[in-house]
């Protein structure tokens, strides 16, 4: 059967299904691979505080050597962090799911039933659209139940840091509600400069496949993830090159001390060129000329009086 015989709606559903099926193969190739991994001490499985740079905070950890702890509850019936759900969102999602199941039980499907393969693909499309709506509503209304609004005076190096956010620097955000008790840590302009320098140096070491340099910049856990990703590139016969990294905007999510270590989680929006080449030097993915923009939350740790090391990377939602 030729594509010209397909109905437009069925063809759109087919294309969407193929895109969703192939999405894991299109993972981002920069250092960290576009995933959320690493450790943030006792806050590894707690959501970082939202900031102007990352207003919806970060995705949960997908890989970590830190074992999860029992959830902490800020109030009866409410769990903060990734596991917390507000009554509003529980009712909303329950209503959406209930409406969909009711339609199926009465033989109408979610929005009209399933008829053949393209009806099934349309059903998948409807489920995906419901997911997008629920996700948007959670970002718009539900997030307020999980995090305290960022506050405090702006500080740090860069342009215009006296009173707010500006390109090329970081400002301090607020501490979120429901965080494990820990002593606060003051972050200085010199610390912000180290964070920005680490961003650039880690991407450069990644592009050069320089594990020795990465060991000086990151914790052994993060280096192990980098090494695994670089080995995968070698196996596939490709090399990812991240160049001309520029910090466009950044701010502090939270900084604390525990068990003799200091931690700082910073939201960073940065631009770069991100291209993957094969052994013949041909472009396999990305572009060597077009810049891409990325927002991530990087967590650094140090022994008191020591230098900062990258201990986690999380993707902004």
C-alpha atoms as a PDB file:
ATOM      1  CA  UNK A   1       0.000   0.000   0.000  1.00  0.00           C
ATOM      2  CA  UNK A   2       1.348   3.399  -0.929  1.00  0.00           C
ATOM      3  CA  UNK A   3       1.541   6.360   1.435  1.00  0.00           C
ATOM      4  CA  UNK A   4      -0.859   8.257  -0.794  1.00  0.00           C
ATOM      5  CA  UNK A   5      -3.606   5.794   0.246  1.00  0.00           C
ATOM      6  CA  UNK A   6      -3.231   6.645   3.936  1.00  0.00           C
ATOM      7  CA  UNK A   7      -5.561   9.095   5.597  1.00  0.00           C
ATOM      8  CA  UNK A   8      -3.745  12.224   6.874  1.00  0.00           C
ATOM      9  CA  UNK A   9      -4.647  11.522  10.506  1.00  0.00           C
ATOM     10  CA  UNK A  10      -3.477   7.913  10.231  1.00  0.00           C
ATOM     11  CA  UNK A  11      -0.230   8.981   8.576  1.00  0.00           C
ATOM     12  CA  UNK A  12       0.416  11.562  11.312  1.00  0.00           C
ATOM     13  CA  UNK A  13      -0.177   8.914  13.966  1.00  0.00           C
ATOM     14  CA  UNK A  14       2.214   6.539  12.196  1.00  0.00           C
ATOM     15  CA  UNK A  15       4.948   9.190  12.024  1.00  0.00           C
ATOM     16  CA  UNK A  16       4.479  10.048  15.700  1.00  0.00           C
ATOM     17  CA  UNK A  17       4.690   6.375  16.669  1.00  0.00           C
ATOM     18  CA  UNK A  18       7.928   5.985  14.719  1.00  0.00           C
ATOM     19  CA  UNK A  19       9.410   9.099  16.326  1.00  0.00           C
ATOM     20  CA  UNK A  20       8.543   7.830  19.803  1.00  0.00           C
ATOM     21  CA  UNK A  21       9.971   4.399  19.007  1.00  0.00           C
ATOM     22  CA  UNK A  22      13.238   5.831  17.735  1.00  0.00           C
ATOM     23  CA  UNK A  23      13.631   8.488  20.463  1.00  0.00           C
ATOM     24  CA  UNK A  24      16.081   6.479  22.623  1.00  0.00           C
ATOM     25  CA  UNK A  25      18.439   6.179  19.656  1.00  0.00           C
ATOM     26  CA  UNK A  26      18.546   9.964  19.301  1.00  0.00           C
ATOM     27  CA  UNK A  27      20.106  10.589  22.738  1.00  0.00           C
ATOM     28  CA  UNK A  28      22.171  13.728  23.127  1.00  0.00           C
ATOM     29  CA  UNK A  29      25.873  13.060  22.908  1.00  0.00           C
ATOM     30  CA  UNK A  30      27.484  15.761  25.052  1.00  0.00           C
ATOM     31  CA  UNK A  31      29.125  14.978  28.389  1.00  0.00           C
ATOM     32  CA  UNK A  32      26.425  13.379  30.495  1.00  0.00           C
ATOM     33  CA  UNK A  33      24.553  12.138  27.437  1.00  0.00           C
ATOM     34  CA  UNK A  34      21.449  14.212  28.136  1.00  0.00           C
ATOM     35  CA  UNK A  35      20.606  12.000  31.148  1.00  0.00           C
ATOM     36  CA  UNK A  36      20.355  12.618  34.890  1.00  0.00           C
ATOM     37  CA  UNK A  37      23.036  10.793  36.856  1.00  0.00           C
ATOM     38  CA  UNK A  38      25.381  11.124  39.810  1.00  0.00           C
ATOM     39  CA  UNK A  39      25.008  11.813  43.522  1.00  0.00           C
ATOM     40  CA  UNK A  40      23.929  14.823  45.621  1.00  0.00           C
ATOM     41  CA  UNK A  41      24.576  13.349  49.051  1.00  0.00           C
ATOM     42  CA  UNK A  42      21.409  13.023  51.134  1.00  0.00           C
ATOM     43  CA  UNK A  43      19.544  15.085  48.504  1.00  0.00           C
ATOM     44  CA  UNK A  44      20.190  12.724  45.598  1.00  0.00           C
ATOM     45  CA  UNK A  45      16.525  11.772  45.385  1.00  0.00           C
ATOM     46  CA  UNK A  46      15.116  15.155  46.400  1.00  0.00           C
ATOM     47  CA  UNK A  47      14.297  17.672  43.687  1.00  0.00           C
ATOM     48  CA  UNK A  48      16.635  20.690  43.599  1.00  0.00           C
ATOM     49  CA  UNK A  49      15.042  24.062  44.257  1.00  0.00           C
ATOM     50  CA  UNK A  50      13.559  25.728  41.195  1.00  0.00           C
ATOM     51  CA  UNK A  51      15.400  28.778  39.863  1.00  0.00           C
ATOM     52  CA  UNK A  52      14.740  31.395  37.164  1.00  0.00           C
ATOM     53  CA  UNK A  53      17.093  29.462  34.853  1.00  0.00           C
ATOM     54  CA  UNK A  54      15.386  26.124  35.611  1.00  0.00           C
ATOM     55  CA  UNK A  55      11.878  27.111  36.794  1.00  0.00           C
ATOM     56  CA  UNK A  56      10.600  23.527  36.778  1.00  0.00           C
ATOM     57  CA  UNK A  57      13.667  22.152  38.541  1.00  0.00           C
ATOM     58  CA  UNK A  58      15.287  18.919  37.318  1.00  0.00           C
ATOM     59  CA  UNK A  59      14.434  15.418  36.205  1.00  0.00           C
ATOM     60  CA  UNK A  60      14.920  12.645  38.782  1.00  0.00           C
ATOM     61  CA  UNK A  61      18.184  10.735  38.916  1.00  0.00           C
ATOM     62  CA  UNK A  62      18.303   7.856  36.448  1.00  0.00           C
ATOM     63  CA  UNK A  63      21.633   6.487  37.654  1.00  0.00           C
ATOM     64  CA  UNK A  64      23.306   6.907  41.024  1.00  0.00           C
ATOM     65  CA  UNK A  65      25.516   4.964  43.403  1.00  0.00           C
ATOM     66  CA  UNK A  66      23.658   6.542  46.322  1.00  0.00           C
ATOM     67  CA  UNK A  67      20.953   4.307  47.732  1.00  0.00           C
ATOM     68  CA  UNK A  68      17.500   5.929  48.035  1.00  0.00           C
ATOM     69  CA  UNK A  69      16.187   6.671  51.499  1.00  0.00           C
ATOM     70  CA  UNK A  70      12.652   6.492  52.840  1.00  0.00           C
ATOM     71  CA  UNK A  71      10.602   9.522  51.669  1.00  0.00           C
ATOM     72  CA  UNK A  72      10.403  12.527  53.978  1.00  0.00           C
ATOM     73  CA  UNK A  73       7.005  14.133  54.478  1.00  0.00           C
ATOM     74  CA  UNK A  74       6.714  17.875  54.997  1.00  0.00           C
ATOM     75  CA  UNK A  75       3.095  17.684  56.159  1.00  0.00           C
ATOM     76  CA  UNK A  76       0.403  15.017  56.604  1.00  0.00           C
ATOM     77  CA  UNK A  77      -0.718  13.761  53.210  1.00  0.00           C
ATOM     78  CA  UNK A  78       2.057  15.546  51.291  1.00  0.00           C
ATOM     79  CA  UNK A  79       5.372  14.152  50.109  1.00  0.00           C
ATOM     80  CA  UNK A  80       7.924  16.672  48.789  1.00  0.00           C
ATOM     81  CA  UNK A  81      10.369  16.071  45.992  1.00  0.00           C
ATOM     82  CA  UNK A  82       9.828  13.761  43.054  1.00  0.00           C
ATOM     83  CA  UNK A  83       7.462  11.421  44.851  1.00  0.00           C
ATOM     84  CA  UNK A  84       5.095  14.113  46.151  1.00  0.00           C
ATOM     85  CA  UNK A  85       1.667  14.581  44.589  1.00  0.00           C
ATOM     86  CA  UNK A  86      -0.763  17.338  45.376  1.00  0.00           C
ATOM     87  CA  UNK A  87      -4.481  16.574  45.783  1.00  0.00           C
ATOM     88  CA  UNK A  88      -5.139  18.821  42.780  1.00  0.00           C
ATOM     89  CA  UNK A  89      -2.906  16.783  40.479  1.00  0.00           C
ATOM     90  CA  UNK A  90      -4.147  13.444  41.859  1.00  0.00           C
ATOM     91  CA  UNK A  91      -7.720  14.472  41.112  1.00  0.00           C
ATOM     92  CA  UNK A  92      -6.837  15.827  37.676  1.00  0.00           C
ATOM     93  CA  UNK A  93      -4.934  12.737  36.555  1.00  0.00           C
ATOM     94  CA  UNK A  94      -7.591  10.487  38.071  1.00  0.00           C
ATOM     95  CA  UNK A  95     -10.244  12.324  36.093  1.00  0.00           C
ATOM     96  CA  UNK A  96      -8.320  12.034  32.831  1.00  0.00           C
ATOM     97  CA  UNK A  97      -7.643   8.332  33.319  1.00  0.00           C
ATOM     98  CA  UNK A  98     -11.209   7.698  34.472  1.00  0.00           C
ATOM     99  CA  UNK A  99     -12.641   9.461  31.428  1.00  0.00           C
ATOM    100  CA  UNK A 100     -10.430   7.416  29.122  1.00  0.00           C
ATOM    101  CA  UNK A 101     -11.284   4.104  30.772  1.00  0.00           C
ATOM    102  CA  UNK A 102     -14.980   4.997  30.775  1.00  0.00           C
ATOM    103  CA  UNK A 103     -14.836   5.645  27.038  1.00  0.00           C
ATOM    104  CA  UNK A 104     -13.168   2.309  26.440  1.00  0.00           C
ATOM    105  CA  UNK A 105     -15.744   0.435  28.553  1.00  0.00           C
ATOM    106  CA  UNK A 106     -18.593   1.986  26.588  1.00  0.00           C
ATOM    107  CA  UNK A 107     -16.984   1.077  23.277  1.00  0.00           C
ATOM    108  CA  UNK A 108     -16.075   4.591  22.138  1.00  0.00           C
ATOM    109  CA  UNK A 109     -12.371   4.618  22.904  1.00  0.00           C
ATOM    110  CA  UNK A 110     -10.809   7.734  24.311  1.00  0.00           C
ATOM    111  CA  UNK A 111     -12.015   9.916  21.445  1.00  0.00           C
ATOM    112  CA  UNK A 112     -13.833   7.609  19.078  1.00  0.00           C
ATOM    113  CA  UNK A 113     -12.661   4.027  19.334  1.00  0.00           C
ATOM    114  CA  UNK A 114     -10.083   1.757  17.715  1.00  0.00           C
ATOM    115  CA  UNK A 115     -10.639   0.575  14.147  1.00  0.00           C
ATOM    116  CA  UNK A 116      -7.756  -1.381  12.622  1.00  0.00           C
ATOM    117  CA  UNK A 117      -4.066  -0.591  12.882  1.00  0.00           C
ATOM    118  CA  UNK A 118      -4.429   3.113  12.210  1.00  0.00           C
ATOM    119  CA  UNK A 119      -7.185   3.350  14.756  1.00  0.00           C
ATOM    120  CA  UNK A 120      -4.749   1.858  17.230  1.00  0.00           C
ATOM    121  CA  UNK A 121      -2.078   4.377  16.249  1.00  0.00           C
ATOM    122  CA  UNK A 122      -4.620   7.115  16.701  1.00  0.00           C
ATOM    123  CA  UNK A 123      -5.353   5.720  20.140  1.00  0.00           C
ATOM    124  CA  UNK A 124      -1.633   5.943  20.971  1.00  0.00           C
ATOM    125  CA  UNK A 125      -1.614   9.525  19.721  1.00  0.00           C
ATOM    126  CA  UNK A 126      -4.538  10.357  22.010  1.00  0.00           C
ATOM    127  CA  UNK A 127      -2.748   8.828  24.993  1.00  0.00           C
ATOM    128  CA  UNK A 128       0.348  10.884  24.145  1.00  0.00           C
ATOM    129  CA  UNK A 129      -1.704  14.080  23.862  1.00  0.00           C
ATOM    130  CA  UNK A 130      -3.263  13.394  27.276  1.00  0.00           C
ATOM    131  CA  UNK A 131       0.240  12.921  28.657  1.00  0.00           C
ATOM    132  CA  UNK A 132       1.344  16.282  27.212  1.00  0.00           C
ATOM    133  CA  UNK A 133      -1.699  18.043  28.677  1.00  0.00           C
ATOM    134  CA  UNK A 134      -1.184  16.466  32.104  1.00  0.00           C
ATOM    135  CA  UNK A 135       2.514  17.314  32.020  1.00  0.00           C
ATOM    136  CA  UNK A 136       1.794  20.944  31.134  1.00  0.00           C
ATOM    137  CA  UNK A 137      -0.788  21.239  33.891  1.00  0.00           C
ATOM    138  CA  UNK A 138       1.619  19.711  36.399  1.00  0.00           C
ATOM    139  CA  UNK A 139       4.275  22.264  35.403  1.00  0.00           C
ATOM    140  CA  UNK A 140       1.791  25.127  35.518  1.00  0.00           C
ATOM    141  CA  UNK A 141      -0.060  24.284  38.737  1.00  0.00           C
ATOM    142  CA  UNK A 142       1.356  21.224  40.458  1.00  0.00           C
ATOM    143  CA  UNK A 143       4.964  22.389  40.795  1.00  0.00           C
ATOM    144  CA  UNK A 144       3.980  25.102  43.225  1.00  0.00           C
ATOM    145  CA  UNK A 145       3.059  22.441  45.764  1.00  0.00           C
ATOM    146  CA  UNK A 146       6.511  20.856  45.613  1.00  0.00           C
ATOM    147  CA  UNK A 147       8.897  23.805  45.753  1.00  0.00           C
ATOM    148  CA  UNK A 148       9.312  27.080  47.504  1.00  0.00           C
ATOM    149  CA  UNK A 149       9.759  30.082  45.245  1.00  0.00           C
ATOM    150  CA  UNK A 150      13.396  31.126  44.714  1.00  0.00           C
ATOM    151  CA  UNK A 151      14.417  34.187  46.664  1.00  0.00           C
ATOM    152  CA  UNK A 152      17.312  36.089  48.100  1.00  0.00           C
ATOM    153  CA  UNK A 153      19.598  38.679  46.632  1.00  0.00           C
ATOM    154  CA  UNK A 154      21.422  37.963  43.406  1.00  0.00           C
ATOM    155  CA  UNK A 155      25.127  37.455  43.613  1.00  0.00           C
ATOM    156  CA  UNK A 156      28.051  36.043  41.703  1.00  0.00           C
ATOM    157  CA  UNK A 157      30.319  37.040  38.862  1.00  0.00           C
ATOM    158  CA  UNK A 158      29.284  38.129  35.414  1.00  0.00           C
ATOM    159  CA  UNK A 159      27.387  41.004  33.848  1.00  0.00           C
ATOM    160  CA  UNK A 160      24.603  42.664  35.801  1.00  0.00           C
ATOM    161  CA  UNK A 161      24.911  40.432  38.828  1.00  0.00           C
ATOM    162  CA  UNK A 162      24.161  43.180  41.312  1.00  0.00           C
ATOM    163  CA  UNK A 163      20.403  42.767  41.150  1.00  0.00           C
ATOM    164  CA  UNK A 164      19.272  39.941  38.880  1.00  0.00           C
ATOM    165  CA  UNK A 165      19.979  37.556  36.059  1.00  0.00           C
ATOM    166  CA  UNK A 166      22.112  38.404  33.062  1.00  0.00           C
ATOM    167  CA  UNK A 167      23.994  36.574  30.337  1.00  0.00           C
ATOM    168  CA  UNK A 168      27.363  35.183  31.276  1.00  0.00           C
ATOM    169  CA  UNK A 169      26.906  34.781  35.031  1.00  0.00           C
ATOM    170  CA  UNK A 170      25.067  33.185  37.922  1.00  0.00           C
ATOM    171  CA  UNK A 171      22.772  34.469  40.624  1.00  0.00           C
ATOM    172  CA  UNK A 172      21.683  32.858  43.879  1.00  0.00           C
ATOM    173  CA  UNK A 173      18.352  31.045  44.028  1.00  0.00           C
ATOM    174  CA  UNK A 174      16.322  29.938  47.038  1.00  0.00           C
ATOM    175  CA  UNK A 175      16.333  26.878  49.224  1.00  0.00           C
ATOM    176  CA  UNK A 176      13.357  24.612  48.572  1.00  0.00           C
ATOM    177  CA  UNK A 177      10.906  23.270  51.124  1.00  0.00           C
ATOM    178  CA  UNK A 178      11.254  19.770  52.482  1.00  0.00           C
ATOM    179  CA  UNK A 179      15.044  19.557  52.135  1.00  0.00           C
ATOM    180  CA  UNK A 180      17.059  17.321  54.487  1.00  0.00           C
ATOM    181  CA  UNK A 181      18.421  19.417  57.331  1.00  0.00           C
ATOM    182  CA  UNK A 182      21.940  20.621  56.580  1.00  0.00           C
ATOM    183  CA  UNK A 183      24.136  23.610  57.264  1.00  0.00           C
ATOM    184  CA  UNK A 184      23.927  26.302  54.557  1.00  0.00           C
ATOM    185  CA  UNK A 185      27.055  27.107  52.553  1.00  0.00           C
ATOM    186  CA  UNK A 186      27.953  30.588  51.304  1.00  0.00           C
ATOM    187  CA  UNK A 187      28.917  30.609  47.615  1.00  0.00           C
ATOM    188  CA  UNK A 188      31.407  33.298  46.602  1.00  0.00           C
ATOM    189  CA  UNK A 189      32.112  34.903  43.218  1.00  0.00           C
ATOM    190  CA  UNK A 190      35.236  32.737  43.011  1.00  0.00           C
ATOM    191  CA  UNK A 191      33.066  29.629  43.396  1.00  0.00           C
ATOM    192  CA  UNK A 192      30.836  30.727  40.515  1.00  0.00           C
ATOM    193  CA  UNK A 193      33.921  31.228  38.358  1.00  0.00           C
ATOM    194  CA  UNK A 194      35.040  27.686  39.194  1.00  0.00           C
ATOM    195  CA  UNK A 195      31.638  26.297  38.186  1.00  0.00           C
ATOM    196  CA  UNK A 196      31.751  28.077  34.833  1.00  0.00           C
ATOM    197  CA  UNK A 197      35.352  26.977  34.249  1.00  0.00           C
ATOM    198  CA  UNK A 198      34.436  23.379  35.106  1.00  0.00           C
ATOM    199  CA  UNK A 199      31.591  23.438  32.565  1.00  0.00           C
ATOM    200  CA  UNK A 200      33.995  24.431  29.793  1.00  0.00           C
ATOM    201  CA  UNK A 201      36.867  22.173  30.873  1.00  0.00           C
ATOM    202  CA  UNK A 202      34.696  19.066  31.273  1.00  0.00           C
ATOM    203  CA  UNK A 203      33.209  19.439  27.801  1.00  0.00           C
ATOM    204  CA  UNK A 204      36.721  19.943  26.375  1.00  0.00           C
ATOM    205  CA  UNK A 205      38.071  16.839  28.151  1.00  0.00           C
ATOM    206  CA  UNK A 206      35.029  14.893  26.977  1.00  0.00           C
ATOM    207  CA  UNK A 207      35.624  15.873  23.354  1.00  0.00           C
ATOM    208  CA  UNK A 208      39.310  14.901  23.651  1.00  0.00           C
ATOM    209  CA  UNK A 209      38.441  11.540  25.305  1.00  0.00           C
ATOM    210  CA  UNK A 210      40.817  12.633  28.071  1.00  0.00           C
ATOM    211  CA  UNK A 211      39.892  10.530  31.102  1.00  0.00           C
ATOM    212  CA  UNK A 212      42.857  11.839  33.087  1.00  0.00           C
ATOM    213  CA  UNK A 213      41.510  15.392  32.795  1.00  0.00           C
ATOM    214  CA  UNK A 214      38.007  14.216  33.699  1.00  0.00           C
ATOM    215  CA  UNK A 215      39.393  12.538  36.838  1.00  0.00           C
ATOM    216  CA  UNK A 216      40.700  15.920  37.976  1.00  0.00           C
ATOM    217  CA  UNK A 217      37.347  17.587  37.364  1.00  0.00           C
ATOM    218  CA  UNK A 218      34.728  15.087  38.519  1.00  0.00           C
ATOM    219  CA  UNK A 219      34.053  12.436  41.137  1.00  0.00           C
ATOM    220  CA  UNK A 220      34.970   8.800  40.393  1.00  0.00           C
ATOM    221  CA  UNK A 221      31.272   8.028  39.948  1.00  0.00           C
ATOM    222  CA  UNK A 222      30.813  10.658  37.230  1.00  0.00           C
ATOM    223  CA  UNK A 223      34.085   9.649  35.565  1.00  0.00           C
ATOM    224  CA  UNK A 224      32.815   6.059  35.389  1.00  0.00           C
ATOM    225  CA  UNK A 225      29.687   7.234  33.536  1.00  0.00           C
ATOM    226  CA  UNK A 226      31.773   9.362  31.175  1.00  0.00           C
ATOM    227  CA  UNK A 227      34.134   6.443  30.512  1.00  0.00           C
ATOM    228  CA  UNK A 228      31.211   4.153  29.714  1.00  0.00           C
ATOM    229  CA  UNK A 229      29.762   6.664  27.244  1.00  0.00           C
ATOM    230  CA  UNK A 230      33.135   7.272  25.587  1.00  0.00           C
ATOM    231  CA  UNK A 231      33.694   3.507  25.266  1.00  0.00           C
ATOM    232  CA  UNK A 232      30.324   3.247  23.544  1.00  0.00           C
ATOM    233  CA  UNK A 233      31.426   5.912  21.070  1.00  0.00           C
ATOM    234  CA  UNK A 234      34.610   3.969  20.348  1.00  0.00           C
ATOM    235  CA  UNK A 235      32.601   0.808  19.805  1.00  0.00           C
ATOM    236  CA  UNK A 236      30.293   2.569  17.349  1.00  0.00           C
ATOM    237  CA  UNK A 237      33.209   4.195  15.546  1.00  0.00           C
ATOM    238  CA  UNK A 238      32.131   7.773  16.250  1.00  0.00           C
ATOM    239  CA  UNK A 239      33.450  10.723  18.244  1.00  0.00           C
ATOM    240  CA  UNK A 240      31.365  13.487  19.765  1.00  0.00           C
ATOM    241  CA  UNK A 241      32.870  16.981  19.706  1.00  0.00           C
ATOM    242  CA  UNK A 242      31.471  19.747  21.908  1.00  0.00           C
ATOM    243  CA  UNK A 243      33.077  23.093  21.117  1.00  0.00           C
ATOM    244  CA  UNK A 244      32.816  26.800  21.870  1.00  0.00           C
ATOM    245  CA  UNK A 245      30.871  26.304  25.116  1.00  0.00           C
ATOM    246  CA  UNK A 246      29.426  29.544  26.482  1.00  0.00           C
ATOM    247  CA  UNK A 247      27.554  29.991  29.734  1.00  0.00           C
ATOM    248  CA  UNK A 248      24.571  32.151  28.807  1.00  0.00           C
ATOM    249  CA  UNK A 249      22.803  32.212  32.151  1.00  0.00           C
ATOM    250  CA  UNK A 250      23.050  30.516  35.520  1.00  0.00           C
ATOM    251  CA  UNK A 251      21.943  30.670  39.130  1.00  0.00           C
ATOM    252  CA  UNK A 252      22.302  28.810  42.388  1.00  0.00           C
ATOM    253  CA  UNK A 253      19.651  26.272  43.283  1.00  0.00           C
ATOM    254  CA  UNK A 254      20.972  25.290  46.700  1.00  0.00           C
ATOM    255  CA  UNK A 255      24.206  24.908  48.658  1.00  0.00           C
ATOM    256  CA  UNK A 256      24.681  22.933  51.862  1.00  0.00           C
ATOM    257  CA  UNK A 257      27.158  20.971  53.970  1.00  0.00           C
ATOM    258  CA  UNK A 258      26.872  17.437  55.330  1.00  0.00           C
ATOM    259  CA  UNK A 259      29.299  14.814  56.654  1.00  0.00           C
ATOM    260  CA  UNK A 260      32.328  17.030  56.154  1.00  0.00           C
ATOM    261  CA  UNK A 261      31.519  17.859  52.517  1.00  0.00           C
ATOM    262  CA  UNK A 262      30.069  20.930  50.873  1.00  0.00           C
ATOM    263  CA  UNK A 263      27.624  20.709  47.976  1.00  0.00           C
ATOM    264  CA  UNK A 264      26.332  23.263  45.483  1.00  0.00           C
ATOM    265  CA  UNK A 265      23.702  22.675  42.814  1.00  0.00           C
ATOM    266  CA  UNK A 266      23.642  25.300  40.061  1.00  0.00           C
ATOM    267  CA  UNK A 267      21.308  25.684  37.102  1.00  0.00           C
ATOM    268  CA  UNK A 268      23.245  26.504  33.952  1.00  0.00           C
ATOM    269  CA  UNK A 269      21.978  27.402  30.511  1.00  0.00           C
ATOM    270  CA  UNK A 270      24.780  27.178  27.983  1.00  0.00           C
ATOM    271  CA  UNK A 271      25.223  27.153  24.221  1.00  0.00           C
ATOM    272  CA  UNK A 272      27.694  25.169  22.120  1.00  0.00           C
ATOM    273  CA  UNK A 273      28.239  23.319  18.880  1.00  0.00           C
ATOM    274  CA  UNK A 274      27.578  19.596  19.300  1.00  0.00           C
ATOM    275  CA  UNK A 275      28.535  17.303  16.430  1.00  0.00           C
ATOM    276  CA  UNK A 276      29.259  13.577  16.169  1.00  0.00           C
ATOM    277  CA  UNK A 277      31.668  12.414  13.459  1.00  0.00           C
ATOM    278  CA  UNK A 278      32.372   8.935  12.120  1.00  0.00           C
ATOM    279  CA  UNK A 279      35.870   7.549  11.591  1.00  0.00           C
ATOM    280  CA  UNK A 280      36.001   9.099   8.120  1.00  0.00           C
ATOM    281  CA  UNK A 281      35.243  12.538   9.539  1.00  0.00           C
ATOM    282  CA  UNK A 282      31.704  12.644   8.170  1.00  0.00           C
ATOM    283  CA  UNK A 283      28.912  14.152  10.266  1.00  0.00           C
ATOM    284  CA  UNK A 284      26.864  11.352  11.827  1.00  0.00           C
ATOM    285  CA  UNK A 285      24.711  13.575  14.026  1.00  0.00           C
ATOM    286  CA  UNK A 286      24.434  17.220  15.021  1.00  0.00           C
ATOM    287  CA  UNK A 287      26.077  20.173  13.327  1.00  0.00           C
ATOM    288  CA  UNK A 288      29.556  21.673  13.433  1.00  0.00           C
ATOM    289  CA  UNK A 289      28.199  25.160  12.706  1.00  0.00           C
ATOM    290  CA  UNK A 290      24.756  25.478  14.318  1.00  0.00           C
ATOM    291  CA  UNK A 291      24.734  26.293  18.024  1.00  0.00           C
ATOM    292  CA  UNK A 292      22.428  24.464  20.411  1.00  0.00           C
ATOM    293  CA  UNK A 293      21.152  25.648  23.797  1.00  0.00           C
ATOM    294  CA  UNK A 294      21.006  23.358  26.816  1.00  0.00           C
ATOM    295  CA  UNK A 295      19.777  23.833  30.394  1.00  0.00           C
ATOM    296  CA  UNK A 296      21.083  21.472  33.060  1.00  0.00           C
ATOM    297  CA  UNK A 297      21.586  21.427  36.829  1.00  0.00           C
ATOM    298  CA  UNK A 298      25.135  20.525  37.845  1.00  0.00           C
ATOM    299  CA  UNK A 299      26.001  19.571  41.395  1.00  0.00           C
ATOM    300  CA  UNK A 300      29.525  20.068  42.705  1.00  0.00           C
ATOM    301  CA  UNK A 301      31.074  18.808  45.930  1.00  0.00           C
ATOM    302  CA  UNK A 302      34.282  19.528  47.798  1.00  0.00           C
ATOM    303  CA  UNK A 303      35.986  18.731  51.047  1.00  0.00           C
ATOM    304  CA  UNK A 304      36.017  21.808  53.241  1.00  0.00           C
ATOM    305  CA  UNK A 305      38.745  24.057  51.893  1.00  0.00           C
ATOM    306  CA  UNK A 306      39.220  21.874  48.794  1.00  0.00           C
ATOM    307  CA  UNK A 307      38.312  22.394  45.145  1.00  0.00           C
ATOM    308  CA  UNK A 308      34.974  21.687  43.555  1.00  0.00           C
ATOM    309  CA  UNK A 309      34.368  18.431  41.655  1.00  0.00           C
ATOM    310  CA  UNK A 310      31.365  17.628  39.507  1.00  0.00           C
ATOM    311  CA  UNK A 311      29.228  15.020  41.272  1.00  0.00           C
ATOM    312  CA  UNK A 312      25.947  15.023  39.314  1.00  0.00           C
ATOM    313  CA  UNK A 313      24.263  16.286  36.150  1.00  0.00           C
ATOM    314  CA  UNK A 314      20.483  16.556  35.907  1.00  0.00           C
ATOM    315  CA  UNK A 315      18.383  17.642  32.951  1.00  0.00           C
ATOM    316  CA  UNK A 316      16.095  20.612  33.472  1.00  0.00           C
ATOM    317  CA  UNK A 317      12.438  19.815  32.962  1.00  0.00           C
END
